[in-house]
C-alpha atoms as a PDB file:
ATOM      1  CA  MET A   1       0.000   0.000   0.000  1.00  0.00           C
ATOM      2  CA  VAL A   2       1.358   3.426  -0.986  1.00  0.00           C
ATOM      3  CA  THR A   3       1.283   5.918   1.899  1.00  0.00           C
ATOM      4  CA  PRO A   4       2.441   9.546   2.228  1.00  0.00           C
ATOM      5  CA  TYR A   5       4.840   8.986   5.129  1.00  0.00           C
ATOM      6  CA  LYS A   6       7.002   6.267   6.640  1.00  0.00           C
ATOM      7  CA  SER A   7       4.817   5.856   9.679  1.00  0.00           C
ATOM      8  CA  ASP A   8       2.935   3.205  11.649  1.00  0.00           C
ATOM      9  CA  ASN A   9      -0.231   5.289  11.369  1.00  0.00           C
ATOM     10  CA  SER A  10      -2.996   4.092   9.045  1.00  0.00           C
ATOM     11  CA  LYS A  11      -3.055   5.377   5.479  1.00  0.00           C
ATOM     12  CA  LYS A  12      -6.240   7.256   6.371  1.00  0.00           C
ATOM     13  CA  ALA A  13      -4.519   9.111   9.217  1.00  0.00           C
ATOM     14  CA  GLN A  14      -1.459   9.847   7.081  1.00  0.00           C
ATOM     15  CA  VAL A  15      -3.570  11.222   4.227  1.00  0.00           C
ATOM     16  CA  ALA A  16      -5.423  13.490   6.660  1.00  0.00           C
ATOM     17  CA  ASP A  17      -2.107  14.728   8.091  1.00  0.00           C
ATOM     18  CA  MET A  18      -0.681  15.287   4.606  1.00  0.00           C
ATOM     19  CA  PHE A  19      -3.597  17.406   3.444  1.00  0.00           C
ATOM     20  CA  ASN A  20      -3.596  19.340   6.717  1.00  0.00           C
ATOM     21  CA  ASN A  21       0.090  20.098   6.100  1.00  0.00           C
ATOM     22  CA  ILE A  22      -0.389  21.358   2.532  1.00  0.00           C
ATOM     23  CA  ALA A  23      -3.844  22.949   2.911  1.00  0.00           C
ATOM     24  CA  ALA A  24      -2.556  26.529   2.771  1.00  0.00           C
ATOM     25  CA  LYS A  25      -0.872  25.947  -0.599  1.00  0.00           C
ATOM     26  CA  TYR A  26      -3.191  23.271  -2.004  1.00  0.00           C
ATOM     27  CA  ASP A  27      -5.343  25.380  -4.335  1.00  0.00           C
ATOM     28  CA  PHE A  28      -2.334  27.219  -5.743  1.00  0.00           C
ATOM     29  CA  LEU A  29      -0.322  24.061  -6.340  1.00  0.00           C
ATOM     30  CA  ASN A  30      -3.272  22.083  -7.674  1.00  0.00           C
ATOM     31  CA  HIS A  31      -4.018  24.659 -10.371  1.00  0.00           C
ATOM     32  CA  PHE A  32      -0.323  25.373 -10.968  1.00  0.00           C
ATOM     33  CA  PHE A  33       0.625  21.734 -11.571  1.00  0.00           C
ATOM     34  CA  SER A  34      -2.343  21.150 -13.884  1.00  0.00           C
ATOM     35  CA  LEU A  35      -1.889  24.507 -15.660  1.00  0.00           C
ATOM     36  CA  GLY A  36      -5.489  25.239 -14.691  1.00  0.00           C
ATOM     37  CA  ILE A  37      -6.809  22.319 -16.740  1.00  0.00           C
ATOM     38  CA  ASP A  38      -8.300  20.743 -13.598  1.00  0.00           C
ATOM     39  CA  HIS A  39     -11.127  23.306 -13.826  1.00  0.00           C
ATOM     40  CA  LEU A  40     -11.935  22.041 -17.310  1.00  0.00           C
ATOM     41  CA  TRP A  41     -11.924  18.420 -16.123  1.00  0.00           C
ATOM     42  CA  ARG A  42     -14.408  19.207 -13.370  1.00  0.00           C
ATOM     43  CA  ARG A  43     -16.692  20.998 -15.814  1.00  0.00           C
ATOM     44  CA  LYS A  44     -16.630  17.963 -18.093  1.00  0.00           C
ATOM     45  CA  ALA A  45     -17.543  15.698 -15.172  1.00  0.00           C
ATOM     46  CA  ILE A  46     -20.411  17.992 -14.174  1.00  0.00           C
ATOM     47  CA  LYS A  47     -21.650  17.952 -17.770  1.00  0.00           C
ATOM     48  CA  MET A  48     -21.707  14.146 -17.707  1.00  0.00           C
ATOM     49  CA  ILE A  49     -24.123  14.028 -14.760  1.00  0.00           C
ATOM     50  CA  ALA A  50     -26.226  17.002 -15.941  1.00  0.00           C
ATOM     51  CA  PRO A  51     -28.718  14.879 -17.959  1.00  0.00           C
ATOM     52  CA  TYR A  52     -29.782  13.166 -14.714  1.00  0.00           C
ATOM     53  CA  LYS A  53     -30.862  16.520 -13.178  1.00  0.00           C
ATOM     54  CA  PRO A  54     -29.674  15.766  -9.625  1.00  0.00           C
ATOM     55  CA  LYS A  55     -31.171  17.879  -6.831  1.00  0.00           C
ATOM     56  CA  LYS A  56     -29.063  16.556  -3.960  1.00  0.00           C
ATOM     57  CA  ILE A  57     -25.322  16.232  -4.649  1.00  0.00           C
ATOM     58  CA  VAL A  58     -22.455  15.102  -2.428  1.00  0.00           C
ATOM     59  CA  ASP A  59     -18.788  15.704  -3.230  1.00  0.00           C
ATOM     60  CA  PHE A  60     -16.435  13.183  -1.627  1.00  0.00           C
ATOM     61  CA  ALA A  61     -12.826  14.088  -0.736  1.00  0.00           C
ATOM     62  CA  THR A  62     -13.991  17.651  -1.332  1.00  0.00           C
ATOM     63  CA  GLY A  63     -10.785  19.314  -0.142  1.00  0.00           C
ATOM     64  CA  THR A  64     -11.327  23.046  -0.437  1.00  0.00           C
ATOM     65  CA  GLY A  65     -14.660  22.544  -2.196  1.00  0.00           C
ATOM     66  CA  ASP A  66     -13.868  23.224  -5.865  1.00  0.00           C
ATOM     67  CA  PHE A  67     -15.969  20.326  -7.181  1.00  0.00           C
ATOM     68  CA  ALA A  68     -18.843  21.089  -4.812  1.00  0.00           C
ATOM     69  CA  ILE A  69     -18.882  24.721  -5.947  1.00  0.00           C
ATOM     70  CA  ALA A  70     -18.656  23.723  -9.621  1.00  0.00           C
ATOM     71  CA  SER A  71     -21.711  21.486  -9.234  1.00  0.00           C
ATOM     72  CA  LEU A  72     -23.853  24.542  -8.495  1.00  0.00           C
ATOM     73  CA  LYS A  73     -24.071  24.946 -12.255  1.00  0.00           C
ATOM     74  CA  LEU A  74     -26.675  22.155 -12.121  1.00  0.00           C
ATOM     75  CA  SER A  75     -28.946  24.277  -9.885  1.00  0.00           C
ATOM     76  CA  PRO A  76     -29.275  21.619  -7.175  1.00  0.00           C
ATOM     77  CA  GLU A  77     -31.284  22.073  -3.984  1.00  0.00           C
ATOM     78  CA  LYS A  78     -28.446  20.802  -1.803  1.00  0.00           C
ATOM     79  CA  VAL A  79     -24.677  20.345  -2.168  1.00  0.00           C
ATOM     80  CA  VAL A  80     -22.575  18.787   0.578  1.00  0.00           C
ATOM     81  CA  GLY A  81     -18.811  18.343   0.505  1.00  0.00           C
ATOM     82  CA  VAL A  82     -17.127  15.862   2.848  1.00  0.00           C
ATOM     83  CA  ASP A  83     -13.443  15.391   3.686  1.00  0.00           C
ATOM     84  CA  ILE A  84     -11.193  13.941   6.413  1.00  0.00           C
ATOM     85  CA  SER A  85      -8.865  16.949   6.454  1.00  0.00           C
ATOM     86  CA  GLU A  86      -9.974  19.690   8.838  1.00  0.00           C
ATOM     87  CA  GLY A  87      -7.315  21.956   7.365  1.00  0.00           C
ATOM     88  CA  MET A  88      -8.659  21.628   3.828  1.00  0.00           C
ATOM     89  CA  LEU A  89     -12.230  22.144   5.030  1.00  0.00           C
ATOM     90  CA  SER A  90     -11.185  25.314   6.848  1.00  0.00           C
ATOM     91  CA  PHE A  91      -9.812  26.848   3.652  1.00  0.00           C
ATOM     92  CA  GLY A  92     -12.824  25.587   1.738  1.00  0.00           C
ATOM     93  CA  ASN A  93     -15.219  27.288   4.125  1.00  0.00           C
ATOM     94  CA  LYS A  94     -13.325  30.557   3.750  1.00  0.00           C
ATOM     95  CA  LYS A  95     -13.710  30.254  -0.024  1.00  0.00           C
ATOM     96  CA  ILE A  96     -17.437  29.617   0.325  1.00  0.00           C
ATOM     97  CA  GLU A  97     -17.898  32.559   2.679  1.00  0.00           C
ATOM     98  CA  LYS A  98     -15.948  34.852   0.365  1.00  0.00           C
ATOM     99  CA  ARG A  99     -18.286  33.912  -2.491  1.00  0.00           C
ATOM    100  CA  ASN A 100     -21.350  34.127  -0.238  1.00  0.00           C
ATOM    101  CA  LEU A 101     -22.346  30.533  -0.981  1.00  0.00           C
ATOM    102  CA  GLN A 102     -23.095  29.409   2.601  1.00  0.00           C
ATOM    103  CA  SER A 103     -26.772  28.829   1.801  1.00  0.00           C
ATOM    104  CA  LYS A 104     -25.907  26.616  -1.180  1.00  0.00           C
ATOM    105  CA  VAL A 105     -22.838  24.576  -0.189  1.00  0.00           C
ATOM    106  CA  THR A 106     -22.081  22.874   3.132  1.00  0.00           C
ATOM    107  CA  LEU A 107     -18.705  21.332   3.926  1.00  0.00           C
ATOM    108  CA  LYS A 108     -18.387  18.819   6.725  1.00  0.00           C
ATOM    109  CA  TYR A 109     -15.864  16.439   8.223  1.00  0.00           C
ATOM    110  CA  GLY A 110     -16.373  12.810   7.290  1.00  0.00           C
ATOM    111  CA  ASP A 111     -14.651   9.535   6.493  1.00  0.00           C
ATOM    112  CA  ALA A 112     -15.414   8.162   3.018  1.00  0.00           C
ATOM    113  CA  GLU A 113     -15.339   4.634   4.400  1.00  0.00           C
ATOM    114  CA  ASN A 114     -17.910   5.457   7.102  1.00  0.00           C
ATOM    115  CA  LEU A 115     -20.038   8.282   5.726  1.00  0.00           C
ATOM    116  CA  PRO A 116     -22.308  10.328   8.021  1.00  0.00           C
ATOM    117  CA  PHE A 117     -25.292  10.113   5.663  1.00  0.00           C
ATOM    118  CA  LYS A 118     -28.466   8.056   5.355  1.00  0.00           C
ATOM    119  CA  ASP A 119     -28.952   5.346   2.741  1.00  0.00           C
ATOM    120  CA  GLY A 120     -30.022   6.808  -0.601  1.00  0.00           C
ATOM    121  CA  GLU A 121     -29.717  10.404   0.580  1.00  0.00           C
ATOM    122  CA  PHE A 122     -28.239  11.817  -2.647  1.00  0.00           C
ATOM    123  CA  ASP A 123     -29.136  11.866  -6.328  1.00  0.00           C
ATOM    124  CA  ALA A 124     -25.529  12.188  -7.505  1.00  0.00           C
ATOM    125  CA  PHE A 125     -21.976  12.330  -6.274  1.00  0.00           C
ATOM    126  CA  THR A 126     -18.693  13.727  -7.497  1.00  0.00           C
ATOM    127  CA  VAL A 127     -15.157  12.979  -6.368  1.00  0.00           C
ATOM    128  CA  GLY A 128     -12.011  14.529  -7.758  1.00  0.00           C
ATOM    129  CA  PHE A 129      -8.594  12.933  -7.242  1.00  0.00           C
ATOM    130  CA  GLY A 130      -9.751  11.332  -4.006  1.00  0.00           C
ATOM    131  CA  VAL A 131     -10.490   7.633  -4.408  1.00  0.00           C
ATOM    132  CA  ARG A 132      -6.845   6.652  -4.849  1.00  0.00           C
ATOM    133  CA  ASN A 133      -6.272   8.010  -1.328  1.00  0.00           C
ATOM    134  CA  TYR A 134      -8.796   5.648   0.259  1.00  0.00           C
ATOM    135  CA  GLU A 135      -7.316   3.133   2.654  1.00  0.00           C
ATOM    136  CA  ASN A 136      -9.784   0.512   1.436  1.00  0.00           C
ATOM    137  CA  LEU A 137     -10.918   1.377  -2.088  1.00  0.00           C
ATOM    138  CA  GLU A 138     -13.750  -1.158  -2.285  1.00  0.00           C
ATOM    139  CA  LYS A 139     -15.120  -0.179   1.111  1.00  0.00           C
ATOM    140  CA  GLY A 140     -15.048   3.496   0.153  1.00  0.00           C
ATOM    141  CA  LEU A 141     -16.832   2.853  -3.146  1.00  0.00           C
ATOM    142  CA  THR A 142     -19.417   0.705  -1.370  1.00  0.00           C
ATOM    143  CA  GLU A 143     -20.163   3.532   1.066  1.00  0.00           C
ATOM    144  CA  MET A 144     -20.450   5.990  -1.826  1.00  0.00           C
ATOM    145  CA  LYS A 145     -22.978   3.666  -3.441  1.00  0.00           C
ATOM    146  CA  ARG A 146     -24.910   3.280  -0.186  1.00  0.00           C
ATOM    147  CA  VAL A 147     -25.691   6.992   0.137  1.00  0.00           C
ATOM    148  CA  LEU A 148     -26.759   7.211  -3.513  1.00  0.00           C
ATOM    149  CA  ARG A 149     -30.422   6.647  -4.349  1.00  0.00           C
ATOM    150  CA  PRO A 150     -31.347   3.853  -6.777  1.00  0.00           C
ATOM    151  CA  GLY A 151     -30.726   5.162 -10.294  1.00  0.00           C
ATOM    152  CA  GLY A 152     -28.442   7.907  -8.981  1.00  0.00           C
ATOM    153  CA  VAL A 153     -25.147   8.595 -10.724  1.00  0.00           C
ATOM    154  CA  GLY A 154     -21.584   9.405  -9.773  1.00  0.00           C
ATOM    155  CA  ALA A 155     -18.682  11.060 -11.591  1.00  0.00           C
ATOM    156  CA  ILE A 156     -15.249   9.916 -10.443  1.00  0.00           C
ATOM    157  CA  LEU A 157     -12.382  12.085 -11.719  1.00  0.00           C
ATOM    158  CA  GLU A 158      -8.972  10.540 -11.208  1.00  0.00           C
ATOM    159  CA  PHE A 159      -5.490  10.700 -12.676  1.00  0.00           C
ATOM    160  CA  SER A 160      -4.604   8.022 -15.187  1.00  0.00           C
ATOM    161  CA  LYS A 161      -1.538   7.173 -17.246  1.00  0.00           C
ATOM    162  CA  PRO A 162      -1.288   8.430 -20.846  1.00  0.00           C
ATOM    163  CA  LYS A 163      -0.186   5.816 -23.356  1.00  0.00           C
ATOM    164  CA  MET A 164       0.877   7.846 -26.403  1.00  0.00           C
ATOM    165  CA  PHE A 165       4.380   9.108 -27.224  1.00  0.00           C
ATOM    166  CA  PRO A 166       5.643  11.707 -26.324  1.00  0.00           C
ATOM    167  CA  LEU A 167       2.954  12.653 -23.771  1.00  0.00           C
ATOM    168  CA  LYS A 168       3.599   9.469 -21.820  1.00  0.00           C
ATOM    169  CA  GLN A 169       7.320  10.227 -21.428  1.00  0.00           C
ATOM    170  CA  LEU A 170       6.770  13.894 -20.593  1.00  0.00           C
ATOM    171  CA  TYR A 171       4.066  13.000 -18.068  1.00  0.00           C
ATOM    172  CA  PHE A 172       6.196  10.487 -16.193  1.00  0.00           C
ATOM    173  CA  ALA A 173       9.199  12.811 -16.125  1.00  0.00           C
ATOM    174  CA  TYR A 174       7.032  15.651 -14.831  1.00  0.00           C
ATOM    175  CA  PHE A 175       5.472  13.468 -12.138  1.00  0.00           C
ATOM    176  CA  LYS A 176       8.730  11.845 -11.048  1.00  0.00           C
ATOM    177  CA  TRP A 177      11.089  14.814 -11.043  1.00  0.00           C
ATOM    178  CA  VAL A 178       9.427  18.207 -11.477  1.00  0.00           C
ATOM    179  CA  MET A 179       6.355  17.875  -9.249  1.00  0.00           C
ATOM    180  CA  PRO A 180       8.165  16.589  -6.116  1.00  0.00           C
ATOM    181  CA  LEU A 181      10.807  19.320  -6.432  1.00  0.00           C
ATOM    182  CA  LEU A 182       8.322  22.178  -6.850  1.00  0.00           C
ATOM    183  CA  GLY A 183       5.956  20.670  -4.296  1.00  0.00           C
ATOM    184  CA  LYS A 184       8.718  20.583  -1.694  1.00  0.00           C
ATOM    185  CA  TRP A 185       9.711  24.154  -2.516  1.00  0.00           C
ATOM    186  CA  PHE A 186       6.220  25.606  -2.262  1.00  0.00           C
ATOM    187  CA  SER A 187       4.547  23.434   0.379  1.00  0.00           C
ATOM    188  CA  LYS A 188       7.531  22.500   2.567  1.00  0.00           C
ATOM    189  CA  ASP A 189       6.225  18.919   2.632  1.00  0.00           C
ATOM    190  CA  SER A 190       8.374  16.850   0.292  1.00  0.00           C
ATOM    191  CA  SER A 191       6.529  13.638   1.111  1.00  0.00           C
ATOM    192  CA  ALA A 192       3.178  14.958  -0.132  1.00  0.00           C
ATOM    193  CA  TYR A 193       4.361  15.521  -3.689  1.00  0.00           C
ATOM    194  CA  THR A 194       6.384  12.335  -3.758  1.00  0.00           C
ATOM    195  CA  TYR A 195       3.306  10.414  -2.630  1.00  0.00           C
ATOM    196  CA  LEU A 196       1.186  11.949  -5.412  1.00  0.00           C
ATOM    197  CA  PRO A 197       2.995  10.328  -8.375  1.00  0.00           C
ATOM    198  CA  GLU A 198       3.468   7.103  -6.425  1.00  0.00           C
ATOM    199  CA  SER A 199      -0.260   6.895  -5.671  1.00  0.00           C
ATOM    200  CA  VAL A 200      -1.117   7.561  -9.330  1.00  0.00           C
ATOM    201  CA  MET A 201       1.217   4.805 -10.488  1.00  0.00           C
ATOM    202  CA  ALA A 202      -0.338   2.348  -8.003  1.00  0.00           C
ATOM    203  CA  PHE A 203      -3.967   3.207  -8.814  1.00  0.00           C
ATOM    204  CA  PRO A 204      -5.941   0.603 -10.817  1.00  0.00           C
ATOM    205  CA  GLU A 205      -7.000   2.821 -13.708  1.00  0.00           C
ATOM    206  CA  GLY A 206      -9.114   2.183 -16.771  1.00  0.00           C
ATOM    207  CA  LYS A 207     -10.658  -1.270 -17.128  1.00  0.00           C
ATOM    208  CA  ASP A 208      -9.234  -2.381 -13.786  1.00  0.00           C
ATOM    209  CA  PHE A 209     -11.024   0.430 -11.965  1.00  0.00           C
ATOM    210  CA  GLU A 210     -14.201  -0.102 -13.985  1.00  0.00           C
ATOM    211  CA  ASN A 211     -14.181  -3.750 -12.866  1.00  0.00           C
ATOM    212  CA  ILE A 212     -13.833  -2.731  -9.221  1.00  0.00           C
ATOM    213  CA  CYS A 213     -16.801  -0.364  -9.567  1.00  0.00           C
ATOM    214  CA  VAL A 214     -18.892  -3.199 -11.025  1.00  0.00           C
ATOM    215  CA  LYS A 215     -17.689  -5.582  -8.308  1.00  0.00           C
ATOM    216  CA  VAL A 216     -19.071  -3.347  -5.536  1.00  0.00           C
ATOM    217  CA  GLY A 217     -22.415  -3.046  -7.324  1.00  0.00           C
ATOM    218  CA  PHE A 218     -22.208  -0.022  -9.589  1.00  0.00           C
ATOM    219  CA  LYS A 219     -23.260  -0.066 -13.198  1.00  0.00           C
ATOM    220  CA  HIS A 220     -20.424   1.350 -15.276  1.00  0.00           C
ATOM    221  CA  LEU A 221     -21.876   3.765 -17.826  1.00  0.00           C
ATOM    222  CA  ARG A 222     -18.888   5.401 -19.446  1.00  0.00           C
ATOM    223  CA  THR A 223     -15.219   6.314 -19.075  1.00  0.00           C
ATOM    224  CA  LYS A 224     -13.997   9.540 -20.644  1.00  0.00           C
ATOM    225  CA  PRO A 225     -10.218  10.082 -20.864  1.00  0.00           C
ATOM    226  CA  VAL A 226      -9.305  13.777 -20.826  1.00  0.00           C
ATOM    227  CA  THR A 227      -6.226  15.676 -22.033  1.00  0.00           C
ATOM    228  CA  GLY A 228      -4.636  12.723 -23.747  1.00  0.00           C
ATOM    229  CA  GLY A 229      -5.341  10.331 -20.895  1.00  0.00           C
ATOM    230  CA  ILE A 230      -3.692  12.374 -18.132  1.00  0.00           C
ATOM    231  CA  ALA A 231      -6.943  11.921 -16.235  1.00  0.00           C
ATOM    232  CA  SER A 232     -10.175   9.984 -16.695  1.00  0.00           C
ATOM    233  CA  ILE A 233     -13.785  10.542 -15.683  1.00  0.00           C
ATOM    234  CA  TYR A 234     -15.707   7.403 -14.742  1.00  0.00           C
ATOM    235  CA  LEU A 235     -19.506   7.686 -14.845  1.00  0.00           C
ATOM    236  CA  VAL A 236     -21.252   5.090 -12.676  1.00  0.00           C
ATOM    237  CA  GLN A 237     -24.841   4.436 -11.634  1.00  0.00           C
ATOM    238  CA  LYS A 238     -26.508   2.668  -8.723  1.00  0.00           C
END
């Protein structure tokens, strides 16, 4: 199992500590490393669930709330973001207050493997770059399915590995050498941006991830690679 730190703590605890450590620089580094393309990826994911007209949406591993805020484009009645990092949630709440969105988006602490929601509470879910951080991927996906109503849909945005030359070579070089160096410089946590490429390499992408989604009871509807396969959006349904 790939973990952020060399520690006896659980992966879940280490991930929470890591995001608490980098929370102050997370938004800047996230957009910087993706050249701002992450906004486009989220919009594409939102567009994929739009035909289902969800009224109650939950964003897992919400971080500072970017995906939750983006989902407001669907005019839902309720948007909830959940995360295990208090530090990330703190910065997310400041963002929401600054945009005067308190009546539309609620962020709360929660563990994806033991969600604080009722069965079938939501019409749709989103999750961006979060499932690869789960300590138990199948358990986390099962919980995500539990809180989704029958027929509800989910959009899972996650990094994948491009296959085409020269993007593949540039991508791996960027992830292995450039990102850890800049991440250490800006965030002062070298482990966080070493863990990121390692976790991407270890993640069961593409067909392997689709099979896991089906195994836990989802219906796999579609997978959309974006930006040459740097990331993928998986659309699933309960």
